[in-house]
């Protein structure tokens, strides 16, 4: 009996844009993937300047927003996985933001 293996490669992100409604990534295989910003509550509550301050993780395996402590992998985007952050963690983060009222 032979066993075949399926090799799956995840393309790298080459550019990223974030607006008030959507996170969009251009991928190395020519695809563009766009997901609702609501999937990532930290990005929803970020200023335009914070959203624009991102860098690639590795060679485009993911995206990191240092001002927000948010990471999104290309694999998660392709799989349709929104943020897995818990409500308690998000609330704590939100309360720690400048200008937050408790």
N, C-alpha and C. Protein backbone atom coordinates (compact mmCIF):
# COMPACT_ATOMS: atom_id res chain seq x y z
N UNK A 1 0.84 -1.17 0.00
CA UNK A 1 0.00 0.00 0.00
C UNK A 1 0.88 1.23 0.00
N UNK A 2 0.57 2.18 -0.85
CA UNK A 2 1.35 3.41 -0.87
C UNK A 2 0.55 4.54 -0.24
N UNK A 3 1.29 5.45 0.31
CA UNK A 3 0.67 6.60 0.95
C UNK A 3 1.14 7.84 0.21
N UNK A 4 0.22 8.63 -0.23
CA UNK A 4 0.60 9.87 -0.89
C UNK A 4 0.50 11.02 0.10
N UNK A 5 1.34 11.99 -0.11
CA UNK A 5 1.29 13.17 0.74
C UNK A 5 0.97 14.37 -0.12
N UNK A 6 0.25 15.25 0.45
CA UNK A 6 -0.13 16.47 -0.23
C UNK A 6 0.71 17.59 0.33
N UNK A 7 1.45 18.24 -0.52
CA UNK A 7 2.27 19.34 -0.08
C UNK A 7 1.51 20.63 -0.31
N UNK A 8 1.32 21.38 0.74
CA UNK A 8 0.60 22.64 0.64
C UNK A 8 1.56 23.76 1.04
N UNK A 9 1.69 24.72 0.17
CA UNK A 9 2.53 25.86 0.53
C UNK A 9 1.64 27.08 0.69
N UNK A 10 2.00 27.88 1.65
CA UNK A 10 1.25 29.10 1.93
C UNK A 10 2.03 30.25 1.30
N UNK A 11 1.38 31.03 0.46
CA UNK A 11 2.07 32.16 -0.15
C UNK A 11 2.40 33.23 0.89
N UNK A 12 3.32 34.10 0.54
CA UNK A 12 3.69 35.18 1.44
C UNK A 12 2.88 36.43 1.11
N UNK A 13 2.66 37.24 2.12
CA UNK A 13 2.05 38.55 1.89
C UNK A 13 3.11 39.46 1.29
N UNK A 14 2.72 40.25 0.31
CA UNK A 14 3.65 41.18 -0.32
C UNK A 14 3.28 42.63 -0.05
N UNK A 15 2.02 42.88 0.20
CA UNK A 15 1.60 44.22 0.61
C UNK A 15 0.32 44.08 1.43
N UNK A 16 0.09 45.08 2.26
CA UNK A 16 -1.06 45.06 3.16
C UNK A 16 -1.69 46.44 3.18
N UNK A 17 -3.00 46.49 3.15
CA UNK A 17 -3.73 47.73 3.36
C UNK A 17 -4.85 47.48 4.35
N UNK A 18 -5.11 48.49 5.16
CA UNK A 18 -6.18 48.40 6.15
C UNK A 18 -6.97 49.69 6.07
N UNK A 19 -8.29 49.57 5.87
CA UNK A 19 -9.14 50.75 5.94
C UNK A 19 -10.16 50.53 7.05
N UNK A 20 -11.18 51.34 7.11
CA UNK A 20 -12.15 51.26 8.21
C UNK A 20 -12.99 49.99 8.19
N UNK A 21 -12.98 49.26 7.08
CA UNK A 21 -13.84 48.09 6.97
C UNK A 21 -13.12 46.78 6.63
N UNK A 22 -11.91 46.88 6.04
CA UNK A 22 -11.29 45.69 5.46
C UNK A 22 -9.79 45.64 5.68
N UNK A 23 -9.29 44.43 5.90
CA UNK A 23 -7.86 44.12 5.88
C UNK A 23 -7.61 43.39 4.57
N UNK A 24 -6.72 43.93 3.75
CA UNK A 24 -6.45 43.35 2.43
C UNK A 24 -4.97 43.02 2.32
N UNK A 25 -4.67 41.82 1.83
CA UNK A 25 -3.28 41.40 1.61
C UNK A 25 -3.12 40.93 0.17
N UNK A 26 -2.10 41.44 -0.48
CA UNK A 26 -1.70 40.96 -1.81
C UNK A 26 -0.70 39.83 -1.56
N UNK A 27 -0.91 38.67 -2.18
CA UNK A 27 -0.09 37.50 -1.92
C UNK A 27 0.87 37.22 -3.06
N UNK A 28 1.93 36.50 -2.74
CA UNK A 28 2.99 36.21 -3.72
C UNK A 28 2.52 35.33 -4.87
N UNK A 29 1.41 34.64 -4.71
CA UNK A 29 0.91 33.79 -5.79
C UNK A 29 -0.08 34.52 -6.70
N UNK A 30 -0.22 35.83 -6.51
CA UNK A 30 -1.10 36.64 -7.35
C UNK A 30 -2.49 36.86 -6.78
N UNK A 31 -2.84 36.15 -5.73
CA UNK A 31 -4.16 36.35 -5.13
C UNK A 31 -4.17 37.59 -4.25
N UNK A 32 -5.36 38.12 -4.10
CA UNK A 32 -5.62 39.18 -3.13
C UNK A 32 -6.68 38.64 -2.20
N UNK A 33 -6.43 38.76 -0.90
CA UNK A 33 -7.43 38.29 0.07
C UNK A 33 -7.84 39.48 0.92
N UNK A 34 -9.14 39.63 1.09
CA UNK A 34 -9.68 40.71 1.90
C UNK A 34 -10.64 40.10 2.92
N UNK A 35 -10.50 40.54 4.16
CA UNK A 35 -11.36 40.04 5.24
C UNK A 35 -11.94 41.23 5.99
N UNK A 36 -13.09 41.03 6.63
CA UNK A 36 -13.70 42.12 7.39
C UNK A 36 -12.79 42.55 8.54
N UNK A 37 -12.65 43.84 8.73
CA UNK A 37 -11.84 44.34 9.83
C UNK A 37 -12.40 43.89 11.17
N UNK A 38 -13.69 43.68 11.22
CA UNK A 38 -14.34 43.22 12.45
C UNK A 38 -13.80 41.91 12.98
N UNK A 39 -13.10 41.16 12.14
CA UNK A 39 -12.47 39.92 12.60
C UNK A 39 -11.35 40.19 13.59
N UNK A 40 -10.84 41.41 13.59
CA UNK A 40 -9.68 41.77 14.42
C UNK A 40 -10.01 43.01 15.24
N UNK A 41 -10.62 42.82 16.42
CA UNK A 41 -11.09 43.95 17.22
C UNK A 41 -10.01 45.00 17.54
N UNK A 42 -8.78 44.57 17.71
CA UNK A 42 -7.74 45.57 17.99
C UNK A 42 -7.56 46.51 16.80
N UNK A 43 -7.68 45.98 15.60
CA UNK A 43 -7.58 46.84 14.41
C UNK A 43 -8.80 47.75 14.30
N UNK A 44 -9.96 47.25 14.69
CA UNK A 44 -11.17 48.07 14.66
C UNK A 44 -11.00 49.29 15.55
N UNK A 45 -10.40 49.10 16.72
CA UNK A 45 -10.26 50.18 17.70
C UNK A 45 -8.98 50.98 17.53
N UNK A 46 -8.23 50.69 16.51
CA UNK A 46 -6.96 51.40 16.27
C UNK A 46 -7.19 52.69 15.50
N UNK A 47 -6.25 53.59 15.65
CA UNK A 47 -6.26 54.81 14.84
C UNK A 47 -5.74 54.46 13.45
N UNK A 48 -6.02 55.29 12.46
CA UNK A 48 -5.45 55.05 11.13
C UNK A 48 -3.91 54.96 11.17
N UNK A 49 -3.29 55.74 12.01
CA UNK A 49 -1.82 55.70 12.13
C UNK A 49 -1.35 54.36 12.69
N UNK A 50 -2.06 53.84 13.68
CA UNK A 50 -1.70 52.53 14.25
C UNK A 50 -1.90 51.42 13.23
N UNK A 51 -2.97 51.51 12.46
CA UNK A 51 -3.23 50.49 11.44
C UNK A 51 -2.17 50.53 10.35
N UNK A 52 -1.66 51.71 10.06
CA UNK A 52 -0.65 51.86 9.00
C UNK A 52 0.74 51.44 9.46
N UNK A 53 0.94 51.30 10.76
CA UNK A 53 2.25 50.92 11.30
C UNK A 53 2.32 49.40 11.48
N UNK A 54 2.63 48.71 10.42
CA UNK A 54 2.73 47.26 10.45
C UNK A 54 4.06 46.84 9.83
N UNK A 55 4.44 45.60 10.08
CA UNK A 55 5.62 45.01 9.43
C UNK A 55 5.31 43.54 9.18
N UNK A 56 6.07 42.98 8.24
CA UNK A 56 5.90 41.56 7.97
C UNK A 56 6.56 40.72 9.05
N UNK A 57 5.97 39.58 9.32
CA UNK A 57 6.59 38.56 10.16
C UNK A 57 7.31 37.64 9.20
N UNK A 58 8.58 37.39 9.45
CA UNK A 58 9.37 36.57 8.53
C UNK A 58 9.46 37.24 7.18
N UNK A 59 9.28 36.48 6.13
CA UNK A 59 9.34 37.02 4.77
C UNK A 59 7.94 37.23 4.21
N UNK A 60 6.98 37.46 5.09
CA UNK A 60 5.60 37.65 4.66
C UNK A 60 4.67 36.55 5.12
N UNK A 61 5.13 35.77 6.11
CA UNK A 61 4.29 34.70 6.66
C UNK A 61 3.12 35.26 7.45
N UNK A 62 3.28 36.48 7.90
CA UNK A 62 2.23 37.13 8.68
C UNK A 62 2.48 38.62 8.75
N UNK A 63 1.61 39.29 9.48
CA UNK A 63 1.65 40.74 9.63
C UNK A 63 1.61 41.05 11.12
N UNK A 64 2.45 42.00 11.54
CA UNK A 64 2.52 42.39 12.95
C UNK A 64 2.29 43.89 13.06
N UNK A 65 1.41 44.29 13.98
CA UNK A 65 1.18 45.69 14.30
C UNK A 65 1.76 45.93 15.69
N UNK A 66 2.97 46.52 15.78
CA UNK A 66 3.62 46.68 17.07
C UNK A 66 2.86 47.58 18.05
N UNK A 67 2.19 48.62 17.57
CA UNK A 67 1.45 49.51 18.46
C UNK A 67 0.24 48.83 19.08
N UNK A 68 -0.23 47.75 18.45
CA UNK A 68 -1.44 47.08 18.89
C UNK A 68 -1.18 45.70 19.47
N UNK A 69 0.05 45.23 19.36
CA UNK A 69 0.41 43.87 19.76
C UNK A 69 -0.52 42.86 19.08
N UNK A 70 -0.70 43.04 17.77
CA UNK A 70 -1.58 42.19 16.97
C UNK A 70 -0.77 41.48 15.90
N UNK A 71 -0.99 40.19 15.75
CA UNK A 71 -0.35 39.39 14.72
C UNK A 71 -1.42 38.64 13.94
N UNK A 72 -1.29 38.64 12.62
CA UNK A 72 -2.21 37.90 11.76
C UNK A 72 -1.37 37.12 10.77
N UNK A 73 -1.56 35.81 10.70
CA UNK A 73 -0.81 35.00 9.75
C UNK A 73 -1.55 34.90 8.43
N UNK A 74 -0.80 34.73 7.35
CA UNK A 74 -1.40 34.53 6.04
C UNK A 74 -2.22 33.24 6.05
N UNK A 75 -1.72 32.22 6.72
CA UNK A 75 -2.45 30.95 6.80
C UNK A 75 -3.83 31.16 7.44
N UNK A 76 -3.90 31.98 8.49
CA UNK A 76 -5.19 32.25 9.14
C UNK A 76 -6.12 33.01 8.21
N UNK A 77 -5.57 33.97 7.46
CA UNK A 77 -6.40 34.71 6.49
C UNK A 77 -6.98 33.76 5.47
N UNK A 78 -6.13 32.89 4.91
CA UNK A 78 -6.58 31.96 3.89
C UNK A 78 -7.59 30.95 4.43
N UNK A 79 -7.44 30.59 5.71
CA UNK A 79 -8.36 29.62 6.32
C UNK A 79 -9.66 30.28 6.80
N UNK A 80 -9.71 31.60 6.75
CA UNK A 80 -10.92 32.29 7.21
C UNK A 80 -11.06 32.30 8.71
N UNK A 81 -9.92 32.35 9.41
CA UNK A 81 -9.95 32.33 10.88
C UNK A 81 -9.82 33.76 11.43
N UNK A 82 -10.84 34.25 12.11
CA UNK A 82 -10.75 35.55 12.76
C UNK A 82 -9.89 35.46 14.03
N UNK A 83 -9.68 36.59 14.66
CA UNK A 83 -8.91 36.63 15.90
C UNK A 83 -9.47 35.65 16.92
N UNK A 84 -8.58 34.98 17.62
CA UNK A 84 -9.00 34.04 18.65
C UNK A 84 -8.85 34.65 20.04
N UNK A 85 -8.60 35.95 20.09
CA UNK A 85 -8.42 36.59 21.39
C UNK A 85 -9.71 36.54 22.19
N UNK A 86 -9.58 36.22 23.46
CA UNK A 86 -10.73 36.14 24.35
C UNK A 86 -11.23 37.52 24.74
N UNK A 87 -12.48 37.58 25.15
CA UNK A 87 -13.09 38.85 25.55
C UNK A 87 -12.37 39.50 26.73
N UNK A 88 -11.96 38.69 27.68
CA UNK A 88 -11.28 39.23 28.87
C UNK A 88 -9.96 39.88 28.48
N UNK A 89 -9.20 39.21 27.65
CA UNK A 89 -7.92 39.75 27.18
C UNK A 89 -8.13 41.02 26.38
N UNK A 90 -9.12 41.02 25.48
CA UNK A 90 -9.39 42.20 24.67
C UNK A 90 -9.83 43.37 25.54
N UNK A 91 -10.71 43.12 26.48
CA UNK A 91 -11.18 44.19 27.38
C UNK A 91 -10.03 44.80 28.15
N UNK A 92 -9.12 43.96 28.65
CA UNK A 92 -7.95 44.44 29.39
C UNK A 92 -7.10 45.33 28.48
N UNK A 93 -6.89 44.88 27.23
CA UNK A 93 -6.12 45.67 26.27
C UNK A 93 -6.81 47.00 25.99
N UNK A 94 -8.11 46.95 25.77
CA UNK A 94 -8.87 48.15 25.45
C UNK A 94 -8.82 49.16 26.60
N UNK A 95 -8.94 48.68 27.83
CA UNK A 95 -8.89 49.55 29.00
C UNK A 95 -7.51 50.19 29.18
N UNK A 96 -6.47 49.55 28.66
CA UNK A 96 -5.12 50.09 28.78
C UNK A 96 -4.74 51.08 27.69
N UNK A 97 -5.64 51.32 26.76
CA UNK A 97 -5.36 52.26 25.66
C UNK A 97 -5.37 53.69 26.16
N UNK A 98 -4.55 54.55 25.57
CA UNK A 98 -4.58 55.96 25.94
C UNK A 98 -5.98 56.54 25.75
N UNK A 99 -6.41 57.30 26.74
CA UNK A 99 -7.74 57.92 26.67
C UNK A 99 -8.88 57.00 27.04
N UNK A 100 -8.57 55.76 27.42
CA UNK A 100 -9.64 54.82 27.79
C UNK A 100 -10.30 55.28 29.07
N UNK A 101 -11.61 55.11 29.12
CA UNK A 101 -12.33 55.41 30.34
C UNK A 101 -12.86 54.12 30.93
N UNK A 102 -12.83 54.02 32.22
CA UNK A 102 -13.30 52.79 32.87
C UNK A 102 -14.56 53.03 33.64
